Amino acid sequence: MKVKEVAALSGVSVRTLHHYDELGLLKPAETTEAGYRVYSDENLAELQQILFYRALGFSLKQIKEILSNPSFNRLEALVSQQQMLHQKREQLDDMIRTIEQTIKEGKGEVTMTREERFKGFDFSENPYEQEARDRWGDEAVDETNKKLQQFGGKQQEKMNAIYRRLAEVRHLQPDSEEAQKAIGDWYQFLNTIGTYSIEAFSGLGEMYVADERFTTNIDKFGIGLASFMRDAMKEYAQHNN
C-alpha cells in the first residue's frame, strides 16, 4: 500500500507517517526510485501497535524503545495493551459518572460527598508492590503501606495536588524556579512515607521513565510528565547534594 492509502485506512495523516519514517519508528517495506513509500502487511501490524501505545499515552520515544527491544513479543504486547485499555475504560466510566453527578449537583438535584467528587481520580493503586517486595523485602514495603493507610483522603489529595502542579509546569525547563519548587515539594512528600536520600530520589526519577508502567501511571496527569519529573529530579539532586 502507498502512504496515502495507509493514511486513509488508519486515520493517520500522511505527514505523521512521514514523521514516523524519519524517526525510524515505522520504516516502509520499500521506497521506490521515484521516492514513494510502500507499506507491507507487516508494516500495518507495526502501525497498529504504535497507535495502541499512543492511545495509552506513550511517547514516540518510548514506543520506539519498546518495539526495538529484542525481547518484544507482539502477542504479549497486545494482551498487555488490552488490560491497560480495560483499566482506562473503567477509570473513564467512573469519571463520566462523576461528571454526570457533578452536573446534577450544579442543578440542585443531588448532593455529593467529598469522596464522590473525586471518583475516578484514584492513583493510589500500586501495581509494583510485588516487585518492590522482591527488591527491598516485606518489612520495608509493609512499613510504607502502613504509612499510606494512615494518610486518609487529605494526604492522598495532597499527593495528587503535587502531581497536578507538576503537570502544569511540565512545559518549563526542569531547572526553572517553578519546576524546582514543585519537584522539591514531591521530595518532601516522599520523605513523609519513607526515607529517600537525594541519590535515591534521582534514581527514582530514572525509574519513572525506564519502567513503562510507571510512565503510564504518571502520565495520566499529563503526557510527558514522567520524563519531565525525571529531569527535574536529577536537577534537584545535583543542586541539593
Protein backbone atom coordinates (compact mmCIF):
# COMPACT_ATOMS: atom_id res chain seq x y z
CA MET A 1 0.00 0.00 0.00
CA LYS A 2 1.15 3.54 -0.72
CA VAL A 3 1.36 6.14 2.02
CA LYS A 4 -1.91 7.84 1.08
CA GLU A 5 -3.73 4.51 1.20
CA VAL A 6 -2.29 3.72 4.63
CA ALA A 7 -3.29 7.17 5.84
CA ALA A 8 -6.85 6.69 4.61
CA LEU A 9 -7.06 3.22 6.15
CA SER A 10 -5.65 4.11 9.57
CA GLY A 11 -6.82 7.68 10.01
CA VAL A 12 -3.22 8.81 10.48
CA SER A 13 -2.10 11.73 8.36
CA VAL A 14 0.47 11.35 5.60
CA ARG A 15 2.68 13.86 7.40
CA THR A 16 2.57 11.72 10.55
CA LEU A 17 3.57 8.60 8.61
CA HIS A 18 6.47 10.53 7.08
CA HIS A 19 7.45 11.61 10.60
CA TYR A 20 7.37 8.02 11.85
CA ASP A 21 9.63 7.04 8.98
CA GLU A 22 12.10 9.86 9.71
CA LEU A 23 12.23 8.80 13.37
CA GLY A 24 12.90 5.20 12.41
CA LEU A 25 9.73 4.21 14.21
CA LEU A 26 7.90 2.84 11.16
CA LYS A 27 10.03 2.26 8.11
CA PRO A 28 8.11 1.31 4.94
CA ALA A 29 8.89 -2.04 3.38
CA GLU A 30 10.39 -0.27 0.41
CA THR A 31 10.83 3.11 -1.21
CA THR A 32 10.53 3.28 -4.98
CA GLU A 33 13.05 5.03 -7.23
CA ALA A 34 10.53 7.85 -7.51
CA GLY A 35 10.57 8.24 -3.73
CA TYR A 36 7.17 6.69 -2.99
CA ARG A 37 6.84 4.80 0.28
CA VAL A 38 5.30 1.32 0.02
CA TYR A 39 3.93 -0.38 3.13
CA SER A 40 3.50 -4.11 3.72
CA ASP A 41 1.03 -6.01 5.91
CA GLU A 42 3.81 -6.29 8.47
CA ASN A 43 4.10 -2.50 8.45
CA LEU A 44 0.36 -2.24 9.08
CA ALA A 45 0.69 -4.54 12.11
CA GLU A 46 3.52 -2.35 13.41
CA LEU A 47 1.41 0.78 12.88
CA GLN A 48 -1.44 -0.80 14.83
CA GLN A 49 0.96 -1.40 17.74
CA ILE A 50 2.14 2.20 17.60
CA LEU A 51 -1.40 3.55 17.63
CA PHE A 52 -2.41 1.35 20.57
CA TYR A 53 0.53 2.68 22.57
CA ARG A 54 -0.23 6.26 21.51
CA ALA A 55 -3.84 5.83 22.70
CA LEU A 56 -2.45 4.75 26.08
CA GLY A 57 -0.34 7.90 26.35
CA PHE A 58 3.12 6.56 25.48
CA SER A 59 5.57 8.95 23.84
CA LEU A 60 7.04 8.17 20.43
CA LYS A 61 10.45 7.74 22.05
CA GLN A 62 9.06 5.19 24.49
CA ILE A 63 7.24 3.33 21.73
CA LYS A 64 10.39 3.12 19.64
CA GLU A 65 12.32 1.71 22.59
CA ILE A 66 9.61 -0.89 23.24
CA LEU A 67 9.27 -2.03 19.63
CA SER A 68 13.02 -2.18 19.03
CA ASN A 69 13.66 -4.26 22.15
CA PRO A 70 14.86 -7.74 21.10
CA SER A 71 12.52 -9.31 23.66
CA PHE A 72 9.44 -7.58 22.25
CA ASN A 73 6.59 -10.01 21.60
CA ARG A 74 3.61 -8.69 19.67
CA LEU A 75 1.07 -11.09 21.16
CA GLU A 76 2.22 -10.36 24.71
CA ALA A 77 2.09 -6.65 23.93
CA LEU A 78 -1.50 -6.95 22.69
CA VAL A 79 -2.54 -8.74 25.86
CA SER A 80 -0.87 -6.04 27.97
CA GLN A 81 -2.48 -3.27 25.91
CA GLN A 82 -5.88 -4.93 26.28
CA GLN A 83 -5.50 -4.98 30.07
CA MET A 84 -4.40 -1.34 30.19
CA LEU A 85 -7.28 -0.26 27.96
CA HIS A 86 -9.78 -2.11 30.16
CA GLN A 87 -8.37 -0.28 33.18
CA LYS A 88 -8.50 3.01 31.32
CA ARG A 89 -12.12 2.35 30.29
CA GLU A 90 -13.13 1.60 33.87
CA GLN A 91 -11.49 4.80 35.05
CA LEU A 92 -13.15 6.83 32.28
CA ASP A 93 -16.54 5.30 33.14
CA ASP A 94 -16.05 6.39 36.75
CA MET A 95 -15.06 9.89 35.66
CA ILE A 96 -18.07 10.17 33.35
CA ARG A 97 -20.36 9.19 36.21
CA THR A 98 -18.62 11.76 38.42
CA ILE A 99 -19.20 14.46 35.80
CA GLU A 100 -22.87 13.46 35.48
CA GLN A 101 -23.33 13.67 39.24
CA THR A 102 -21.49 17.00 39.39
CA ILE A 103 -23.81 18.40 36.72
CA LYS A 104 -26.82 17.21 38.69
CA GLU A 105 -25.43 18.79 41.83
CA GLY A 106 -24.94 22.04 39.93
CA LYS A 107 -28.63 21.91 39.07
CA GLY A 108 -29.54 21.28 42.69
CA GLU A 109 -30.78 17.75 42.01
CA VAL A 110 -28.29 15.87 44.23
CA THR A 111 -25.69 16.47 46.92
CA MET A 112 -22.30 14.85 46.51
CA THR A 113 -19.97 13.73 49.27
CA ARG A 114 -16.32 14.75 49.19
CA GLU A 115 -15.35 11.23 48.22
CA GLU A 116 -17.84 11.18 45.33
CA ARG A 117 -16.32 14.35 43.88
CA PHE A 118 -13.06 12.52 43.21
CA LYS A 119 -14.41 9.19 41.99
CA GLY A 120 -12.28 8.16 39.03
CA PHE A 121 -9.24 10.14 40.16
CA ASP A 122 -7.75 7.24 42.10
CA PHE A 123 -3.99 6.99 41.63
CA SER A 124 -3.33 5.21 44.89
CA GLU A 125 -3.12 1.69 43.47
CA ASN A 126 0.36 0.23 43.40
CA PRO A 127 0.88 -2.34 40.62
CA TYR A 128 4.57 -2.54 41.53
CA GLU A 129 4.16 -3.81 45.10
CA GLN A 130 5.32 -7.39 44.47
CA GLU A 131 8.31 -6.11 42.53
CA ALA A 132 9.14 -3.79 45.44
CA ARG A 133 8.86 -6.71 47.89
CA ASP A 134 11.28 -8.74 45.76
CA ARG A 135 13.77 -5.86 45.69
CA TRP A 136 13.57 -4.43 49.20
CA GLY A 137 11.85 -7.07 51.32
CA ASP A 138 8.46 -7.39 53.00
CA GLU A 139 9.31 -5.27 56.04
CA ALA A 140 10.14 -2.12 54.05
CA VAL A 141 7.06 -2.43 51.86
CA ASP A 142 4.74 -3.19 54.80
CA GLU A 143 6.03 -0.14 56.65
CA THR A 144 5.40 2.07 53.60
CA ASN A 145 1.90 0.62 53.15
CA LYS A 146 1.17 1.25 56.81
CA LYS A 147 2.06 4.90 56.41
CA LEU A 148 -0.04 5.15 53.24
CA GLN A 149 -3.07 3.66 55.00
CA GLN A 150 -2.73 6.28 57.73
CA PHE A 151 -2.84 9.08 55.19
CA GLY A 152 -6.56 9.35 54.64
CA GLY A 153 -8.18 11.48 51.97
CA LYS A 154 -6.29 14.70 52.76
CA GLN A 155 -2.87 13.16 52.26
CA GLN A 156 -3.98 11.37 49.10
CA GLU A 157 -5.29 14.64 47.72
CA LYS A 158 -2.01 16.33 48.67
CA MET A 159 -0.11 13.77 46.61
CA ASN A 160 -2.44 14.23 43.65
CA ALA A 161 -2.18 18.02 44.01
CA ILE A 162 1.61 17.80 43.69
CA TYR A 163 1.26 15.71 40.54
CA ARG A 164 -1.22 18.20 39.11
CA ARG A 165 1.10 21.11 39.91
CA LEU A 166 4.00 19.33 38.24
CA ALA A 167 1.82 18.67 35.21
CA GLU A 168 1.05 22.40 35.00
CA VAL A 169 4.75 23.34 34.84
CA ARG A 170 6.00 20.39 32.78
CA HIS A 171 6.44 22.62 29.71
CA LEU A 172 9.00 24.76 31.57
CA GLN A 173 12.70 23.97 31.82
CA PRO A 174 13.32 21.32 34.53
CA ASP A 175 15.81 23.66 36.25
CA SER A 176 13.41 26.63 36.33
CA GLU A 177 12.44 28.05 39.71
CA GLU A 178 8.81 26.91 39.43
CA ALA A 179 9.76 23.39 38.36
CA GLN A 180 12.32 23.03 41.15
CA LYS A 181 9.84 24.31 43.73
CA ALA A 182 7.26 21.75 42.61
CA ILE A 183 9.71 18.85 42.49
CA GLY A 184 11.04 19.89 45.89
CA ASP A 185 7.52 19.51 47.25
CA TRP A 186 7.50 15.99 45.78
CA TYR A 187 10.79 15.16 47.50
CA GLN A 188 9.46 16.40 50.83
CA PHE A 189 6.24 14.43 50.38
CA LEU A 190 8.06 11.19 49.57
CA ASN A 191 10.03 11.54 52.78
CA THR A 192 6.78 11.53 54.75
CA ILE A 193 6.12 7.96 53.58
CA GLY A 194 9.68 6.67 53.61
CA THR A 195 13.31 7.70 53.73
CA TYR A 196 14.76 8.87 50.44
CA SER A 197 18.30 10.10 50.13
CA ILE A 198 18.92 12.69 47.44
CA GLU A 199 20.65 9.97 45.38
CA ALA A 200 17.71 7.61 45.76
CA PHE A 201 15.39 10.43 44.73
CA SER A 202 17.31 10.93 41.49
CA GLY A 203 17.35 7.17 40.86
CA LEU A 204 13.61 7.01 41.38
CA GLY A 205 13.18 9.60 38.66
CA GLU A 206 15.09 7.40 36.25
CA MET A 207 12.72 4.53 37.04
CA TYR A 208 9.74 6.72 36.15
CA VAL A 209 10.94 6.62 32.53
CA ALA A 210 12.77 3.28 32.40
CA ASP A 211 9.70 1.34 33.54
CA GLU A 212 6.79 1.90 31.16
CA ARG A 213 4.28 1.04 33.88
CA PHE A 214 5.45 3.97 35.99
CA THR A 215 5.37 6.19 32.92
CA THR A 216 1.82 5.18 32.04
CA ASN A 217 0.52 5.90 35.55
CA ILE A 218 2.33 9.22 35.98
CA ASP A 219 1.42 10.44 32.51
CA LYS A 220 -2.26 10.12 33.43
CA PHE A 221 -1.77 13.56 34.94
CA GLY A 222 -0.25 14.89 31.70
CA ILE A 223 1.56 13.43 28.71
CA GLY A 224 5.30 13.75 29.17
CA LEU A 225 5.10 14.28 32.94
CA ALA A 226 7.23 11.24 33.80
CA SER A 227 10.11 12.43 31.62
CA PHE A 228 9.81 15.95 32.99
CA MET A 229 9.86 14.68 36.57
CA ARG A 230 12.95 12.57 35.88
CA ASP A 231 14.82 15.60 34.54
CA ALA A 232 13.61 17.87 37.33
CA MET A 233 14.52 15.29 39.98
CA LYS A 234 18.01 14.97 38.51
CA GLU A 235 18.44 18.75 38.61
CA TYR A 236 17.13 18.87 42.17
CA ALA A 237 19.57 16.18 43.25
CA GLN A 238 22.53 17.96 41.65
CA HIS A 239 21.71 21.25 43.37
CA ASN A 240 20.90 19.76 46.76
CA ASN A 241 23.51 17.03 47.09
